[in-house]
Amino acid sequence: MNLSNQDVQLAQAMFVSSATQQHPLGTRGFTADGRVYRYVKAGASDLVAGNVIQSPALLTGNLASAVNTTSAVSAGSVAISLTVASSAAANLYAEGYACISTGTGQGLFLEVNSHPAVTAAGTGVFTLYGEDALPTAITTTTKIGLIQNKYNGVIQFPVTTATGVVVGVAPYIITASQFGWVQTWGYCACLIDVTPALGAMLNAVAATAGRAAVFTAASLLTGQLLGIMAQVGVAGEFDVVDLRVSP
């Protein structure tokens, strides 16, 4: 795995929806005043400005013990043959991850480069990036969970029950299946579901899809932190929120 702390020149400007991917998913962009954005691909529907945004819904059949290797793989390999429980379109997990949950190599977390389309109960070869080649051999008893890059196919946060993790707030419309920027940190305009006080801690899980709610005693264990109110909120309005998702 290669690590970097260098800033890069960003090719895709803010407030632009592009059919062409110009950066790795999750690339960080920021403004001089400290607001932070992440590069995303929209899911099957347009992203709405001011709406709370979630990662793609999890395919739970391909997580943890549901995915098994079909052959032993030696250290240094980048190709792993996996049988999946849920069907996966070609490269659904590209720029996503393979988590070795049990067996030889358990605890490893590796980035997926590419894979073919795989039907439910079918087998396909999942290719890792070269820098994430297996550091140890794995066996047929090893179990591997697959999870998408959380910025690949982001959606409006669903009503009441999360199906993924909060990503941030859409600062503008990104066309379905196109690429753009979602805000993750700092002041932003966000659609509010209730009437929170200044400084109230906001929950991304709300009774209305795409809106922010306030945490209650009951939701503290199951909610997802979005940020805090930077003003007194008004239900149904776009108010100023200080996002606290990804700095």
Protein backbone atom coordinates (compact mmCIF):
# COMPACT_ATOMS: atom_id res chain seq x y z
CA MET A 1 0.00 0.00 0.00
CA ASN A 2 1.39 3.40 -0.98
CA LEU A 3 0.69 6.32 1.37
CA SER A 4 0.76 10.01 0.45
CA ASN A 5 0.48 13.34 2.22
CA GLN A 6 0.91 15.49 -0.86
CA ASP A 7 -1.76 17.86 -2.15
CA VAL A 8 -2.72 17.36 -5.80
CA GLN A 9 -4.06 19.72 -8.45
CA LEU A 10 -7.73 18.87 -8.91
CA ALA A 11 -8.98 18.58 -12.48
CA GLN A 12 -12.74 18.62 -11.82
CA ALA A 13 -14.11 21.89 -10.46
CA MET A 14 -16.89 22.29 -7.89
CA PHE A 15 -20.52 22.50 -9.05
CA VAL A 16 -19.70 20.34 -12.07
CA SER A 17 -21.25 16.95 -12.77
CA SER A 18 -19.05 14.89 -15.09
CA ALA A 19 -19.69 11.64 -16.94
CA THR A 20 -15.92 11.05 -16.94
CA GLN A 21 -14.06 10.05 -13.79
CA GLN A 22 -11.14 12.43 -13.23
CA HIS A 23 -9.91 11.39 -9.77
CA PRO A 24 -9.82 8.28 -7.58
CA LEU A 25 -13.02 7.94 -5.57
CA GLY A 26 -12.64 9.56 -2.15
CA THR A 27 -10.06 12.11 -3.32
CA ARG A 28 -10.03 15.01 -0.86
CA GLY A 29 -10.59 18.59 -1.93
CA PHE A 30 -10.72 21.63 0.35
CA THR A 31 -11.24 25.38 0.33
CA ALA A 32 -9.12 28.08 1.95
CA ASP A 33 -11.71 28.50 4.71
CA GLY A 34 -11.47 24.83 5.77
CA ARG A 35 -14.49 23.25 4.08
CA VAL A 36 -13.69 19.70 2.89
CA TYR A 37 -15.12 17.66 0.00
CA ARG A 38 -14.74 14.09 -1.28
CA TYR A 39 -14.92 12.91 -4.88
CA VAL A 40 -17.87 10.58 -5.46
CA LYS A 41 -19.86 8.75 -8.09
CA ALA A 42 -23.63 9.20 -7.80
CA GLY A 43 -25.88 6.16 -7.71
CA ALA A 44 -28.93 5.51 -9.86
CA SER A 45 -30.64 8.83 -8.96
CA ASP A 46 -29.51 12.47 -9.13
CA LEU A 47 -28.07 13.85 -5.89
CA VAL A 48 -30.09 16.79 -4.54
CA ALA A 49 -28.35 19.93 -3.25
CA GLY A 50 -28.56 20.20 0.53
CA ASN A 51 -29.53 16.55 1.03
CA VAL A 52 -27.74 14.17 3.39
CA ILE A 53 -25.86 11.52 1.39
CA GLN A 54 -25.13 7.87 2.23
CA SER A 55 -22.72 5.28 0.87
CA PRO A 56 -24.21 2.66 -1.47
CA ALA A 57 -26.48 0.13 0.22
CA LEU A 58 -24.48 -2.85 1.46
CA LEU A 59 -24.70 -6.20 -0.28
CA THR A 60 -24.75 -8.14 2.97
CA GLY A 61 -24.52 -11.48 1.19
CA ASN A 62 -20.95 -10.67 0.18
CA LEU A 63 -19.75 -9.64 3.62
CA ALA A 64 -17.76 -11.56 6.22
CA SER A 65 -18.20 -15.35 6.20
CA ALA A 66 -20.50 -15.39 3.14
CA VAL A 67 -17.56 -15.18 0.70
CA ASN A 68 -15.01 -17.98 0.46
CA THR A 69 -11.86 -18.56 -1.57
CA THR A 70 -12.11 -21.46 -4.02
CA SER A 71 -8.39 -22.20 -4.13
CA ALA A 72 -5.31 -21.57 -2.05
CA VAL A 73 -3.44 -18.39 -3.03
CA SER A 74 0.26 -17.79 -2.47
CA ALA A 75 1.84 -14.72 -0.92
CA GLY A 76 2.46 -11.97 -3.47
CA SER A 77 -0.57 -12.84 -5.58
CA VAL A 78 -3.03 -10.16 -6.70
CA ALA A 79 -5.73 -12.55 -8.01
CA ILE A 80 -8.21 -14.27 -5.67
CA SER A 81 -10.99 -16.58 -6.86
CA LEU A 82 -14.13 -15.97 -4.80
CA THR A 83 -17.61 -17.45 -4.70
CA VAL A 84 -20.15 -14.74 -3.88
CA ALA A 85 -23.59 -15.04 -2.31
CA SER A 86 -25.02 -11.91 -3.98
CA SER A 87 -24.59 -11.06 -7.66
CA ALA A 88 -22.15 -8.27 -8.47
CA ALA A 89 -21.91 -6.25 -11.69
CA ALA A 90 -18.49 -5.98 -13.30
CA ASN A 91 -16.19 -3.77 -11.19
CA LEU A 92 -18.86 -3.09 -8.56
CA TYR A 93 -16.06 -3.49 -6.03
CA ALA A 94 -13.39 -1.62 -8.03
CA GLU A 95 -11.70 0.87 -5.67
CA GLY A 96 -13.47 -1.06 -2.90
CA TYR A 97 -12.07 -3.57 -0.45
CA ALA A 98 -11.54 -7.20 0.49
CA CYS A 99 -11.56 -7.83 4.25
CA ILE A 100 -10.18 -11.18 5.38
CA SER A 101 -12.54 -11.98 8.22
CA THR A 102 -11.44 -15.46 9.34
CA GLY A 103 -8.79 -18.04 8.56
CA THR A 104 -5.27 -17.54 7.25
CA GLY A 105 -4.55 -13.85 6.72
CA GLN A 106 -7.40 -12.70 8.96
CA GLY A 107 -7.32 -8.98 9.70
CA LEU A 108 -5.91 -7.99 6.30
CA PHE A 109 -7.76 -5.22 4.45
CA LEU A 110 -6.91 -4.96 0.75
CA GLU A 111 -8.03 -2.73 -2.15
CA VAL A 112 -9.76 -4.31 -5.15
CA ASN A 113 -8.70 -3.15 -8.62
CA SER A 114 -11.12 -5.02 -10.89
CA HIS A 115 -13.33 -8.07 -11.34
CA PRO A 116 -15.81 -9.50 -13.87
CA ALA A 117 -19.56 -9.67 -13.38
CA VAL A 118 -20.44 -12.52 -11.00
CA THR A 119 -23.87 -14.07 -10.50
CA ALA A 120 -25.25 -15.13 -7.11
CA ALA A 121 -23.48 -18.33 -5.99
CA GLY A 122 -21.07 -17.83 -8.91
CA THR A 123 -17.29 -17.57 -8.86
CA GLY A 124 -15.10 -14.79 -10.19
CA VAL A 125 -11.50 -13.62 -10.01
CA PHE A 126 -11.05 -10.45 -7.96
CA THR A 127 -7.82 -8.64 -8.79
CA LEU A 128 -6.09 -6.49 -6.16
CA TYR A 129 -3.88 -3.47 -6.80
CA GLY A 130 -0.22 -4.41 -7.09
CA GLU A 131 0.74 -2.54 -3.93
CA ASP A 132 -1.93 -4.54 -2.06
CA ALA A 133 -0.65 -7.96 -3.16
CA LEU A 134 -1.27 -10.60 -0.51
CA PRO A 135 1.45 -10.33 2.15
CA THR A 136 0.75 -13.92 3.22
CA ALA A 137 -0.65 -17.06 1.62
CA ILE A 138 -4.33 -17.83 2.15
CA THR A 139 -6.16 -21.16 2.02
CA THR A 140 -9.57 -22.45 0.98
CA THR A 141 -10.76 -22.04 4.58
CA THR A 142 -10.09 -18.30 4.48
CA LYS A 143 -13.26 -16.21 4.41
CA ILE A 144 -13.28 -12.79 2.77
CA GLY A 145 -15.84 -10.00 2.90
CA LEU A 146 -16.26 -7.62 -0.05
CA ILE A 147 -17.38 -4.03 0.46
CA GLN A 148 -17.76 -1.22 -2.07
CA ASN A 149 -15.81 2.00 -1.88
CA LYS A 150 -18.16 4.15 0.17
CA TYR A 151 -17.95 6.93 -2.45
CA ASN A 152 -18.94 4.64 -5.34
CA GLY A 153 -22.67 4.96 -6.07
CA VAL A 154 -23.68 7.30 -3.24
CA ILE A 155 -27.39 7.87 -2.61
CA GLN A 156 -29.80 10.10 -0.72
CA PHE A 157 -29.80 8.96 2.91
CA PRO A 158 -32.83 6.66 3.20
CA VAL A 159 -35.74 7.25 5.54
CA THR A 160 -35.55 5.93 9.12
CA THR A 161 -33.12 3.04 8.58
CA ALA A 162 -29.56 3.37 7.25
CA THR A 163 -28.39 0.89 4.61
CA GLY A 164 -24.81 2.22 4.61
CA VAL A 165 -22.76 4.95 6.30
CA VAL A 166 -23.16 8.71 6.12
CA VAL A 167 -20.88 10.35 3.53
CA GLY A 168 -21.78 14.04 3.83
CA VAL A 169 -24.08 16.59 2.18
CA ALA A 170 -24.48 17.28 -1.54
CA PRO A 171 -23.55 20.92 -2.25
CA TYR A 172 -25.06 20.78 -5.76
CA ILE A 173 -26.85 18.41 -8.15
CA ILE A 174 -24.75 15.50 -9.39
CA THR A 175 -26.43 13.62 -12.22
CA ALA A 176 -27.13 9.91 -11.70
CA SER A 177 -24.06 7.73 -12.39
CA GLN A 178 -21.85 10.81 -12.83
CA PHE A 179 -18.95 12.16 -10.76
CA GLY A 180 -18.61 15.21 -8.54
CA TRP A 181 -17.96 16.48 -5.01
CA VAL A 182 -19.86 15.91 -1.75
CA GLN A 183 -19.07 18.07 1.27
CA THR A 184 -17.86 16.26 4.39
CA TRP A 185 -16.59 18.98 6.77
CA GLY A 186 -17.32 22.59 7.68
CA TYR A 187 -20.25 24.94 7.21
CA CYS A 188 -22.84 23.94 4.60
CA ALA A 189 -26.52 24.30 3.75
CA CYS A 190 -28.47 21.21 4.82
CA LEU A 191 -32.16 20.31 4.76
CA ILE A 192 -33.46 19.98 8.33
CA ASP A 193 -36.23 17.63 9.43
CA VAL A 194 -36.96 19.09 12.88
CA THR A 195 -36.37 22.32 14.85
CA PRO A 196 -32.95 21.86 16.47
CA ALA A 197 -31.30 24.37 18.77
CA LEU A 198 -27.99 26.06 18.05
CA GLY A 199 -25.24 23.50 18.74
CA ALA A 200 -27.57 20.50 18.60
CA MET A 201 -25.86 17.27 17.54
CA LEU A 202 -27.32 16.12 14.21
CA ASN A 203 -28.26 12.59 13.21
CA ALA A 204 -28.07 11.61 9.54
CA VAL A 205 -30.89 9.11 10.17
CA ALA A 206 -34.20 10.98 10.00
CA ALA A 207 -37.92 10.39 9.51
CA THR A 208 -37.65 12.04 6.07
CA ALA A 209 -35.12 10.83 3.48
CA GLY A 210 -32.22 13.22 2.84
CA ARG A 211 -32.87 15.42 5.88
CA ALA A 212 -30.96 15.81 9.14
CA ALA A 213 -32.57 15.12 12.52
CA VAL A 214 -31.38 15.56 16.10
CA PHE A 215 -30.09 12.79 18.31
CA THR A 216 -32.38 11.48 21.03
CA ALA A 217 -31.58 9.13 23.89
CA ALA A 218 -33.04 6.29 21.82
CA SER A 219 -31.06 7.07 18.66
CA LEU A 220 -27.62 7.53 20.22
CA LEU A 221 -26.73 3.87 19.70
CA THR A 222 -28.09 3.48 16.17
CA GLY A 223 -27.75 6.97 14.66
CA GLN A 224 -24.89 8.37 12.58
CA LEU A 225 -23.22 11.70 13.41
CA LEU A 226 -23.57 14.31 10.67
CA GLY A 227 -22.47 17.47 12.49
CA ILE A 228 -23.84 20.23 14.72
CA MET A 229 -26.26 23.08 14.09
CA ALA A 230 -24.56 26.43 13.41
CA GLN A 231 -27.88 28.25 13.93
CA VAL A 232 -31.35 27.59 15.31
CA GLY A 233 -32.91 25.17 12.84
CA VAL A 234 -36.29 25.34 11.13
CA ALA A 235 -38.03 22.15 9.98
CA GLY A 236 -38.25 21.90 6.20
CA GLU A 237 -35.65 24.62 5.57
CA PHE A 238 -32.04 24.58 4.41
CA ASP A 239 -30.08 25.80 7.42
CA VAL A 240 -26.38 26.17 8.23
CA VAL A 241 -24.78 23.01 9.61
CA ASP A 242 -21.19 22.50 10.72
CA LEU A 243 -20.41 19.11 9.16
CA ARG A 244 -18.28 16.62 11.15
CA VAL A 245 -18.09 13.58 8.87
CA SER A 246 -14.60 13.46 7.30
CA PRO A 247 -12.02 16.25 7.87
